[in-house]
Amino acid sequence: MAARFFSELSEVPGTVSAGEVETPLGRFPAKGVQDGPATVCIRPQALRLEAAGSHLPGRILRRHFLGEADLLEIVVQGSEQP
């Protein structure tokens, strides 16, 4: 996949149906994508953490200090992998 060349990606399994993809992170538009299994790619910098109870529950498994940023491994409800 070309997107992996440009930056890290978190890959989340999903299922496309009626123009939307259902994932453990929620539903997202998938216009023009054939129904069936899919992989949703998310750039880590596109995610943000918020107070417990405000959105999708998750648990931080590991924190890696990278100098200017921290890399967090998070597992969310409905997913078996970080």
Protein backbone atom coordinates (compact mmCIF):
# COMPACT_ATOMS: atom_id res chain seq x y z
CA MET A 1 0.00 0.00 0.00
CA ALA A 2 1.44 3.36 -1.03
CA ALA A 3 0.14 5.16 2.09
CA ARG A 4 2.53 3.15 4.31
CA PHE A 5 5.46 4.66 2.45
CA PHE A 6 4.63 8.19 3.66
CA SER A 7 3.90 7.57 7.35
CA GLU A 8 2.90 5.09 10.04
CA LEU A 9 -0.65 3.75 9.83
CA SER A 10 -2.96 2.01 12.23
CA GLU A 11 -4.92 -0.64 10.34
CA VAL A 12 -8.39 -1.49 11.63
CA PRO A 13 -10.52 -4.33 10.24
CA GLY A 14 -14.01 -3.46 9.08
CA THR A 15 -16.97 -4.52 6.99
CA VAL A 16 -18.43 -2.39 4.20
CA SER A 17 -22.19 -2.35 3.72
CA ALA A 18 -24.42 0.19 1.98
CA GLY A 19 -21.70 2.81 1.55
CA GLU A 20 -20.37 2.66 5.12
CA VAL A 21 -17.64 0.67 6.84
CA GLU A 22 -18.27 -0.64 10.36
CA THR A 23 -15.15 -0.92 12.56
CA PRO A 24 -14.45 -1.27 16.29
CA LEU A 25 -13.85 2.51 16.18
CA GLY A 26 -17.29 3.27 14.69
CA ARG A 27 -18.90 3.73 11.27
CA PHE A 28 -17.27 5.73 8.49
CA PRO A 29 -18.32 6.69 4.94
CA ALA A 30 -17.15 4.26 2.26
CA LYS A 31 -18.87 5.60 -0.83
CA GLY A 32 -17.99 3.65 -3.94
CA VAL A 33 -16.39 0.76 -2.00
CA GLN A 34 -17.68 -2.75 -2.69
CA ASP A 35 -19.55 -4.44 0.20
CA GLY A 36 -17.49 -6.96 2.17
CA PRO A 37 -14.40 -7.05 4.39
CA ALA A 38 -12.14 -4.01 4.42
CA THR A 39 -9.16 -2.50 6.19
CA VAL A 40 -9.42 1.10 7.37
CA CYS A 41 -6.09 2.92 7.61
CA ILE A 42 -5.77 5.72 10.15
CA ARG A 43 -2.80 7.99 10.61
CA PRO A 44 -1.93 8.06 14.34
CA GLN A 45 -1.66 11.86 14.34
CA ALA A 46 -5.34 11.99 13.30
CA LEU A 47 -6.42 10.51 16.65
CA ARG A 48 -6.80 12.37 19.91
CA LEU A 49 -7.29 11.32 23.51
CA GLU A 50 -10.15 12.72 25.56
CA ALA A 51 -11.50 12.26 29.06
CA ALA A 52 -13.01 8.90 29.97
CA GLY A 53 -16.68 8.62 29.12
CA SER A 54 -16.67 11.18 26.31
CA HIS A 55 -16.08 8.83 23.36
CA LEU A 56 -14.89 5.31 22.56
CA PRO A 57 -13.38 3.65 25.64
CA GLY A 58 -9.77 2.55 25.41
CA ARG A 59 -6.80 1.54 27.53
CA ILE A 60 -3.18 2.62 27.08
CA LEU A 61 -0.97 -0.47 26.93
CA ARG A 62 2.41 1.18 26.31
CA ARG A 63 3.93 4.63 25.96
CA HIS A 64 7.05 5.20 23.86
CA PHE A 65 8.77 8.58 24.25
CA LEU A 66 10.04 9.70 20.83
CA GLY A 67 11.54 13.08 21.73
CA GLU A 68 9.00 15.59 20.46
CA ALA A 69 6.08 13.17 20.68
CA ASP A 70 4.82 10.10 22.47
CA LEU A 71 3.71 6.96 20.67
CA LEU A 72 0.85 5.32 22.55
CA GLU A 73 -0.33 1.75 22.02
CA ILE A 74 -4.04 1.77 22.83
CA VAL A 75 -6.55 -1.06 22.78
CA VAL A 76 -10.19 -0.08 22.32
CA GLN A 77 -13.36 -1.91 23.19
CA GLY A 78 -14.26 -4.32 20.39
CA SER A 79 -10.69 -4.73 19.13
CA GLU A 80 -8.23 -7.44 20.07
CA GLN A 81 -5.08 -5.63 18.99
CA PRO A 82 -3.66 -2.16 19.76
